[in-house]
Amino acid sequence: MPLNVHLVSADAEVWSGEASLVVAKTVEGEIGFMTGHEPVLAILAEGQVRITEPSGTKIVANAQDGFLSMEGDVLTIVAGNAALIS
């Protein structure tokens, strides 16, 4: 079962879908998320969010000024500024 991921900025949804792996930069360092990850609430640091879809397609976004929340198999990333770069 893949992760359900929601990446939103202050004014729009940037990306939403299923992922097998998500790596994001927090103030504590980079953290990777896969199905079954324990619940987490963390502050985003400026950097890239790297999403790997179940098909293997990679999506990269710049994100800053926000937080992320992992609960169950749902990862929500809320950034003040976020934009896809690939």
N, C-alpha and C. Protein backbone atom coordinates (compact mmCIF):
# COMPACT_ATOMS: atom_id res chain seq x y z
N MET A 1 0.85 -1.18 0.00
CA MET A 1 0.00 0.00 0.00
C MET A 1 0.90 1.24 0.00
N PRO A 2 0.73 2.16 -0.96
CA PRO A 2 1.57 3.35 -1.03
C PRO A 2 1.13 4.43 -0.03
N LEU A 3 1.99 5.42 0.13
CA LEU A 3 1.65 6.60 0.92
C LEU A 3 0.71 7.49 0.13
N ASN A 4 -0.19 8.16 0.80
CA ASN A 4 -0.98 9.23 0.20
C ASN A 4 -0.30 10.53 0.59
N VAL A 5 0.14 11.29 -0.40
CA VAL A 5 0.93 12.48 -0.17
C VAL A 5 0.19 13.71 -0.67
N HIS A 6 0.23 14.78 0.15
CA HIS A 6 -0.35 16.06 -0.21
C HIS A 6 0.71 17.12 0.05
N LEU A 7 1.17 17.79 -1.00
CA LEU A 7 2.13 18.89 -0.89
C LEU A 7 1.40 20.16 -1.28
N VAL A 8 1.25 21.07 -0.33
CA VAL A 8 0.52 22.31 -0.58
C VAL A 8 1.37 23.51 -0.18
N SER A 9 1.16 24.60 -0.91
CA SER A 9 1.77 25.87 -0.54
C SER A 9 0.69 26.74 0.07
N ALA A 10 1.03 27.96 0.42
CA ALA A 10 0.07 28.85 1.06
C ALA A 10 -1.14 29.14 0.18
N ASP A 11 -0.95 29.07 -1.14
CA ASP A 11 -2.04 29.48 -2.02
C ASP A 11 -2.54 28.41 -3.00
N ALA A 12 -1.94 27.22 -2.99
CA ALA A 12 -2.38 26.20 -3.96
C ALA A 12 -1.85 24.82 -3.60
N GLU A 13 -2.54 23.80 -4.13
CA GLU A 13 -2.01 22.45 -4.02
C GLU A 13 -0.92 22.30 -5.08
N VAL A 14 0.26 21.87 -4.66
CA VAL A 14 1.39 21.74 -5.57
C VAL A 14 1.42 20.35 -6.20
N TRP A 15 1.20 19.32 -5.38
CA TRP A 15 1.18 17.94 -5.88
C TRP A 15 0.43 17.07 -4.88
N SER A 16 -0.32 16.12 -5.41
CA SER A 16 -1.04 15.17 -4.58
C SER A 16 -1.08 13.84 -5.32
N GLY A 17 -0.85 12.77 -4.58
CA GLY A 17 -0.89 11.46 -5.21
C GLY A 17 -0.30 10.39 -4.31
N GLU A 18 0.00 9.25 -4.91
CA GLU A 18 0.56 8.13 -4.17
C GLU A 18 2.07 8.08 -4.37
N ALA A 19 2.77 7.65 -3.32
CA ALA A 19 4.22 7.57 -3.39
C ALA A 19 4.71 6.33 -2.65
N SER A 20 5.84 5.82 -3.11
CA SER A 20 6.48 4.71 -2.40
C SER A 20 7.54 5.24 -1.43
N LEU A 21 8.07 6.46 -1.70
CA LEU A 21 9.08 7.07 -0.85
C LEU A 21 9.01 8.58 -0.99
N VAL A 22 9.12 9.28 0.14
CA VAL A 22 9.20 10.74 0.15
C VAL A 22 10.36 11.11 1.08
N VAL A 23 11.23 11.99 0.60
CA VAL A 23 12.34 12.50 1.41
C VAL A 23 12.19 14.01 1.49
N ALA A 24 12.19 14.55 2.72
CA ALA A 24 12.04 15.98 2.94
C ALA A 24 13.09 16.46 3.93
N LYS A 25 13.45 17.74 3.81
CA LYS A 25 14.44 18.33 4.72
C LYS A 25 13.71 19.06 5.84
N THR A 26 14.04 18.69 7.07
CA THR A 26 13.47 19.35 8.24
C THR A 26 14.59 20.07 8.99
N VAL A 27 14.24 20.82 10.02
CA VAL A 27 15.27 21.50 10.80
C VAL A 27 16.14 20.51 11.55
N GLU A 28 15.69 19.26 11.68
CA GLU A 28 16.48 18.21 12.34
C GLU A 28 17.33 17.42 11.35
N GLY A 29 17.15 17.67 10.05
CA GLY A 29 17.87 16.94 9.01
C GLY A 29 16.89 16.30 8.04
N GLU A 30 17.42 15.58 7.04
CA GLU A 30 16.54 14.92 6.07
C GLU A 30 15.87 13.72 6.71
N ILE A 31 14.63 13.49 6.29
CA ILE A 31 13.89 12.34 6.79
C ILE A 31 13.16 11.69 5.62
N GLY A 32 13.17 10.37 5.60
CA GLY A 32 12.49 9.62 4.55
C GLY A 32 11.24 8.95 5.10
N PHE A 33 10.22 8.90 4.27
CA PHE A 33 8.94 8.31 4.68
C PHE A 33 8.54 7.21 3.71
N MET A 34 8.15 6.09 4.26
CA MET A 34 7.59 4.97 3.50
C MET A 34 6.34 4.51 4.23
N THR A 35 5.59 3.64 3.60
CA THR A 35 4.41 3.08 4.24
C THR A 35 4.75 2.51 5.61
N GLY A 36 3.90 2.77 6.58
CA GLY A 36 4.09 2.23 7.92
C GLY A 36 4.98 3.07 8.82
N HIS A 37 5.40 4.25 8.35
CA HIS A 37 6.26 5.11 9.17
C HIS A 37 5.49 5.58 10.40
N GLU A 38 6.20 5.73 11.50
CA GLU A 38 5.57 6.20 12.73
C GLU A 38 5.08 7.65 12.55
N PRO A 39 4.11 8.07 13.34
CA PRO A 39 3.61 9.46 13.23
C PRO A 39 4.73 10.46 13.51
N VAL A 40 4.72 11.54 12.72
CA VAL A 40 5.74 12.58 12.84
C VAL A 40 5.09 13.93 12.60
N LEU A 41 5.54 14.93 13.35
CA LEU A 41 5.21 16.33 13.09
C LEU A 41 6.55 17.05 13.13
N ALA A 42 6.93 17.71 12.03
CA ALA A 42 8.26 18.34 11.95
C ALA A 42 8.17 19.66 11.21
N ILE A 43 9.13 20.54 11.50
CA ILE A 43 9.23 21.83 10.83
C ILE A 43 10.11 21.67 9.59
N LEU A 44 9.61 22.17 8.46
CA LEU A 44 10.38 22.11 7.21
C LEU A 44 11.54 23.08 7.25
N ALA A 45 12.66 22.67 6.70
CA ALA A 45 13.77 23.57 6.42
C ALA A 45 13.74 23.85 4.91
N GLU A 46 14.33 24.94 4.49
CA GLU A 46 14.36 25.23 3.07
C GLU A 46 15.13 24.14 2.35
N GLY A 47 14.55 23.58 1.32
CA GLY A 47 15.21 22.52 0.57
C GLY A 47 14.25 21.79 -0.34
N GLN A 48 14.67 20.65 -0.80
CA GLN A 48 13.88 19.87 -1.75
C GLN A 48 13.05 18.80 -1.05
N VAL A 49 11.89 18.57 -1.62
CA VAL A 49 11.06 17.42 -1.27
C VAL A 49 11.15 16.50 -2.48
N ARG A 50 11.62 15.27 -2.26
CA ARG A 50 11.78 14.30 -3.34
C ARG A 50 10.75 13.20 -3.17
N ILE A 51 9.92 13.03 -4.18
CA ILE A 51 8.82 12.07 -4.15
C ILE A 51 9.08 11.02 -5.21
N THR A 52 8.98 9.74 -4.82
CA THR A 52 9.08 8.65 -5.79
C THR A 52 7.71 7.97 -5.85
N GLU A 53 7.10 8.02 -7.02
CA GLU A 53 5.80 7.38 -7.21
C GLU A 53 5.99 5.86 -7.27
N PRO A 54 4.92 5.08 -7.04
CA PRO A 54 5.04 3.62 -7.11
C PRO A 54 5.59 3.13 -8.46
N SER A 55 5.36 3.88 -9.53
CA SER A 55 5.86 3.51 -10.86
C SER A 55 7.36 3.76 -11.00
N GLY A 56 7.95 4.50 -10.04
CA GLY A 56 9.37 4.84 -10.12
C GLY A 56 9.62 6.26 -10.59
N THR A 57 8.58 6.93 -11.08
CA THR A 57 8.71 8.33 -11.51
C THR A 57 9.11 9.19 -10.32
N LYS A 58 10.07 10.08 -10.55
CA LYS A 58 10.54 10.96 -9.48
C LYS A 58 10.03 12.38 -9.69
N ILE A 59 9.57 12.98 -8.61
CA ILE A 59 9.06 14.35 -8.62
C ILE A 59 9.87 15.11 -7.58
N VAL A 60 10.31 16.31 -7.94
CA VAL A 60 11.11 17.12 -7.02
C VAL A 60 10.46 18.50 -6.92
N ALA A 61 10.37 19.00 -5.69
CA ALA A 61 9.83 20.33 -5.44
C ALA A 61 10.72 21.05 -4.45
N ASN A 62 10.82 22.35 -4.61
CA ASN A 62 11.45 23.18 -3.59
C ASN A 62 10.37 23.58 -2.61
N ALA A 63 10.70 23.56 -1.32
CA ALA A 63 9.72 23.93 -0.29
C ALA A 63 10.44 24.65 0.85
N GLN A 64 9.73 25.57 1.47
CA GLN A 64 10.29 26.28 2.63
C GLN A 64 9.17 26.85 3.48
N ASP A 65 9.50 27.15 4.71
CA ASP A 65 8.58 27.81 5.64
C ASP A 65 7.29 27.04 5.86
N GLY A 66 7.37 25.92 6.53
CA GLY A 66 6.16 25.17 6.80
C GLY A 66 6.43 24.00 7.72
N PHE A 67 5.60 22.98 7.58
CA PHE A 67 5.72 21.79 8.42
C PHE A 67 5.25 20.58 7.64
N LEU A 68 5.53 19.41 8.19
CA LEU A 68 4.99 18.18 7.62
C LEU A 68 4.40 17.34 8.73
N SER A 69 3.43 16.54 8.35
CA SER A 69 2.74 15.68 9.30
C SER A 69 2.53 14.31 8.67
N MET A 70 2.95 13.27 9.39
CA MET A 70 2.74 11.90 8.94
C MET A 70 1.82 11.23 9.95
N GLU A 71 0.70 10.72 9.48
CA GLU A 71 -0.26 10.03 10.34
C GLU A 71 -0.87 8.89 9.53
N GLY A 72 -0.76 7.67 10.04
CA GLY A 72 -1.19 6.52 9.24
C GLY A 72 -0.30 6.45 8.01
N ASP A 73 -0.88 6.29 6.86
CA ASP A 73 -0.10 6.32 5.63
C ASP A 73 -0.42 7.57 4.82
N VAL A 74 -0.66 8.68 5.54
CA VAL A 74 -0.93 9.97 4.90
C VAL A 74 0.15 10.96 5.33
N LEU A 75 0.87 11.50 4.34
CA LEU A 75 1.89 12.51 4.58
C LEU A 75 1.41 13.83 4.00
N THR A 76 1.30 14.83 4.87
CA THR A 76 0.88 16.16 4.44
C THR A 76 2.04 17.12 4.65
N ILE A 77 2.41 17.82 3.59
CA ILE A 77 3.49 18.81 3.65
C ILE A 77 2.87 20.15 3.33
N VAL A 78 2.94 21.06 4.29
CA VAL A 78 2.37 22.40 4.13
C VAL A 78 3.52 23.39 4.16
N ALA A 79 3.73 24.10 3.04
CA ALA A 79 4.84 25.03 2.92
C ALA A 79 4.32 26.42 2.62
N GLY A 80 4.99 27.42 3.15
CA GLY A 80 4.65 28.79 2.80
C GLY A 80 4.90 29.04 1.32
N ASN A 81 6.00 28.48 0.83
CA ASN A 81 6.35 28.53 -0.58
C ASN A 81 6.75 27.14 -1.04
N ALA A 82 6.18 26.70 -2.15
CA ALA A 82 6.54 25.40 -2.72
C ALA A 82 6.28 25.44 -4.22
N ALA A 83 7.16 24.81 -4.97
CA ALA A 83 6.99 24.76 -6.43
C ALA A 83 7.69 23.52 -6.96
N LEU A 84 7.07 22.87 -7.95
CA LEU A 84 7.68 21.73 -8.59
C LEU A 84 8.85 22.20 -9.44
N ILE A 85 9.93 21.41 -9.43
CA ILE A 85 11.05 21.72 -10.32
C ILE A 85 11.28 20.60 -11.33
N SER A 86 10.64 19.44 -11.11
CA SER A 86 10.70 18.36 -12.11
C SER A 86 9.66 17.33 -11.79
